[in-house]
C-alpha atoms as a PDB file:
ATOM      1  CA  MET A   1     -18.553  15.572  85.092  1.00  0.00           C
ATOM      2  CA  LYS A   2     -20.180  17.685  87.779  1.00  0.00           C
ATOM      3  CA  ARG A   3     -21.947  20.824  86.596  1.00  0.00           C
ATOM      4  CA  LYS A   4     -22.039  23.897  88.794  1.00  0.00           C
ATOM      5  CA  LEU A   5     -25.256  25.804  89.268  1.00  0.00           C
ATOM      6  CA  ARG A   6     -24.755  29.317  87.911  1.00  0.00           C
ATOM      7  CA  PHE A   7     -26.910  32.280  88.826  1.00  0.00           C
ATOM      8  CA  PRO A   8     -27.161  35.219  86.429  1.00  0.00           C
ATOM      9  CA  ARG A   9     -24.993  38.193  87.386  1.00  0.00           C
ATOM     10  CA  ILE A  10     -26.728  41.489  88.012  1.00  0.00           C
ATOM     11  CA  VAL A  11     -23.527  43.476  88.376  1.00  0.00           C
ATOM     12  CA  LYS A  12     -20.020  42.745  87.212  1.00  0.00           C
ATOM     13  CA  PRO A  13     -17.654  41.152  89.752  1.00  0.00           C
ATOM     14  CA  PHE A  14     -15.589  43.466  91.933  1.00  0.00           C
ATOM     15  CA  GLU A  15     -11.953  43.834  90.963  1.00  0.00           C
ATOM     16  CA  ALA A  16      -9.567  45.604  93.325  1.00  0.00           C
ATOM     17  CA  LYS A  17      -7.488  48.169  91.477  1.00  0.00           C
ATOM     18  CA  GLU A  18      -5.366  49.185  94.456  1.00  0.00           C
ATOM     19  CA  LYS A  19      -3.062  47.390  96.815  1.00  0.00           C
ATOM     20  CA  ILE A  20      -5.005  46.192  99.842  1.00  0.00           C
ATOM     21  CA  ILE A  21      -4.031  47.966 103.069  1.00  0.00           C
ATOM     22  CA  LEU A  22      -4.195  46.823 106.670  1.00  0.00           C
ATOM     23  CA  ARG A  23      -7.581  48.460 107.271  1.00  0.00           C
ATOM     24  CA  ASP A  24      -9.079  46.531 104.360  1.00  0.00           C
ATOM     25  CA  TYR A  25      -7.472  43.301 105.519  1.00  0.00           C
ATOM     26  CA  LEU A  26      -8.966  43.768 108.992  1.00  0.00           C
ATOM     27  CA  ALA A  27     -12.352  44.471 107.404  1.00  0.00           C
ATOM     28  CA  LEU A  28     -12.094  41.146 105.579  1.00  0.00           C
ATOM     29  CA  GLU A  29     -11.317  39.433 108.877  1.00  0.00           C
ATOM     30  CA  ARG A  30     -14.351  41.072 110.524  1.00  0.00           C
ATOM     31  CA  THR A  31     -16.515  39.977 107.616  1.00  0.00           C
ATOM     32  CA  THR A  32     -15.242  36.411 107.953  1.00  0.00           C
ATOM     33  CA  LEU A  33     -16.026  36.397 111.670  1.00  0.00           C
ATOM     34  CA  ALA A  34     -19.469  37.886 111.026  1.00  0.00           C
ATOM     35  CA  ASN A  35     -20.104  35.156 108.462  1.00  0.00           C
ATOM     36  CA  GLU A  36     -19.228  32.504 111.048  1.00  0.00           C
ATOM     37  CA  ARG A  37     -21.442  34.166 113.679  1.00  0.00           C
ATOM     38  CA  THR A  38     -24.318  34.169 111.220  1.00  0.00           C
ATOM     39  CA  LEU A  39     -23.819  30.459 110.538  1.00  0.00           C
ATOM     40  CA  PHE A  40     -23.857  29.766 114.275  1.00  0.00           C
ATOM     41  CA  SER A  41     -27.097  31.756 114.557  1.00  0.00           C
ATOM     42  CA  TYR A  42     -28.700  29.596 111.882  1.00  0.00           C
ATOM     43  CA  ILE A  43     -27.505  26.456 113.665  1.00  0.00           C
ATOM     44  CA  ARG A  44     -28.750  27.696 117.046  1.00  0.00           C
ATOM     45  CA  THR A  45     -32.174  28.614 115.655  1.00  0.00           C
ATOM     46  CA  SER A  46     -32.397  25.280 113.885  1.00  0.00           C
ATOM     47  CA  LEU A  47     -31.590  23.405 117.089  1.00  0.00           C
ATOM     48  CA  TYR A  48     -34.252  25.368 118.983  1.00  0.00           C
ATOM     49  CA  LEU A  49     -36.785  24.400 116.328  1.00  0.00           C
ATOM     50  CA  VAL A  50     -35.746  20.743 116.599  1.00  0.00           C
ATOM     51  CA  ILE A  51     -36.140  20.815 120.379  1.00  0.00           C
ATOM     52  CA  GLY A  52     -39.529  22.508 120.094  1.00  0.00           C
ATOM     53  CA  GLY A  53     -40.670  20.103 117.390  1.00  0.00           C
ATOM     54  CA  ILE A  54     -39.658  17.036 119.370  1.00  0.00           C
ATOM     55  CA  GLY A  55     -41.333  18.486 122.447  1.00  0.00           C
ATOM     56  CA  LEU A  56     -44.582  19.017 120.552  1.00  0.00           C
ATOM     57  CA  LEU A  57     -44.451  15.493 119.143  1.00  0.00           C
ATOM     58  CA  LYS A  58     -43.956  13.987 122.616  1.00  0.00           C
ATOM     59  CA  LEU A  59     -46.893  15.821 124.225  1.00  0.00           C
ATOM     60  CA  GLU A  60     -49.718  13.329 124.609  1.00  0.00           C
ATOM     61  CA  ASP A  61     -52.318  15.792 125.876  1.00  0.00           C
ATOM     62  CA  PHE A  62     -52.021  18.029 122.809  1.00  0.00           C
ATOM     63  CA  SER A  63     -52.197  15.526 119.975  1.00  0.00           C
ATOM     64  CA  SER A  64     -53.847  18.164 117.776  1.00  0.00           C
ATOM     65  CA  LEU A  65     -50.504  20.026 117.724  1.00  0.00           C
ATOM     66  CA  ARG A  66     -48.510  17.134 116.236  1.00  0.00           C
ATOM     67  CA  TRP A  67     -48.642  18.840 112.846  1.00  0.00           C
ATOM     68  CA  LEU A  68     -46.886  21.858 114.357  1.00  0.00           C
ATOM     69  CA  GLY A  69     -44.086  19.611 115.616  1.00  0.00           C
ATOM     70  CA  ASN A  70     -43.637  18.116 112.152  1.00  0.00           C
ATOM     71  CA  VAL A  71     -43.649  21.561 110.535  1.00  0.00           C
ATOM     72  CA  SER A  72     -41.063  22.720 113.067  1.00  0.00           C
ATOM     73  CA  LEU A  73     -38.751  19.821 112.181  1.00  0.00           C
ATOM     74  CA  VAL A  74     -39.077  20.489 108.445  1.00  0.00           C
ATOM     75  CA  ILE A  75     -38.417  24.209 108.888  1.00  0.00           C
ATOM     76  CA  SER A  76     -35.405  23.353 111.035  1.00  0.00           C
ATOM     77  CA  ALA A  77     -33.905  21.191 108.286  1.00  0.00           C
ATOM     78  CA  LEU A  78     -34.554  23.851 105.645  1.00  0.00           C
ATOM     79  CA  LEU A  79     -33.058  26.545 107.847  1.00  0.00           C
ATOM     80  CA  ILE A  80     -29.816  24.661 108.446  1.00  0.00           C
ATOM     81  CA  ILE A  81     -29.462  23.951 104.716  1.00  0.00           C
ATOM     82  CA  TYR A  82     -30.089  27.612 103.875  1.00  0.00           C
ATOM     83  CA  GLY A  83     -27.571  28.754 106.488  1.00  0.00           C
ATOM     84  CA  LEU A  84     -24.886  26.405 105.182  1.00  0.00           C
ATOM     85  CA  ILE A  85     -25.464  27.498 101.585  1.00  0.00           C
ATOM     86  CA  ARG A  86     -25.167  31.176 102.536  1.00  0.00           C
ATOM     87  CA  TYR A  87     -22.047  30.517 104.599  1.00  0.00           C
ATOM     88  CA  PHE A  88     -20.197  28.690 101.840  1.00  0.00           C
ATOM     89  CA  MET A  89     -21.249  31.175  99.148  1.00  0.00           C
ATOM     90  CA  LEU A  90     -19.864  34.123 101.127  1.00  0.00           C
ATOM     91  CA  LYS A  91     -16.787  32.139 102.140  1.00  0.00           C
ATOM     92  CA  ARG A  92     -16.039  31.454  98.479  1.00  0.00           C
ATOM     93  CA  LYS A  93     -16.378  35.166  97.673  1.00  0.00           C
ATOM     94  CA  LEU A  94     -14.052  36.109 100.526  1.00  0.00           C
ATOM     95  CA  LEU A  95     -11.430  33.582  99.424  1.00  0.00           C
ATOM     96  CA  LYS A  96     -11.012  35.550  96.196  1.00  0.00           C
ATOM     97  CA  PHE A  97      -9.707  38.468  98.252  1.00  0.00           C
ATOM     98  CA  TYR A  98      -7.493  36.296 100.448  1.00  0.00           C
ATOM     99  CA  GLU A  99      -5.844  34.798  97.373  1.00  0.00           C
ATOM    100  CA  ASN A 100      -4.631  38.285  96.474  1.00  0.00           C
ATOM    101  CA  LYS A 101      -0.842  38.388  96.855  1.00  0.00           C
ATOM    102  CA  ASP A 102      -0.824  42.027  98.038  1.00  0.00           C
ATOM    103  CA  LEU A 103      -2.090  41.203 101.533  1.00  0.00           C
ATOM    104  CA  PRO A 104       0.037  42.463 104.429  1.00  0.00           C
ATOM    105  CA  GLU A 105       2.093  39.852 106.248  1.00  0.00           C
END
């Protein structure tokens, strides 16, 4: 049995008391697109760090900077993991609103 990691809640979960209107639906769509853009930003930054880290590791004249290349690769891996976690957490929150049956067709 797989256990989910639960974080303590600071505030109670949001519950919509009104029927969702088109403006709210479009706001959800914008939020979804912003979430995807943010994920792509994390991926892009991570790839830049990988390229920089590999470049620093391949430089033979600056062997004293090899540690910086290794640090860059580690930070890149951590950054991509953090970005994916944030993306899927927000995506899960947004799916609660999309499962609402009152959405416009």
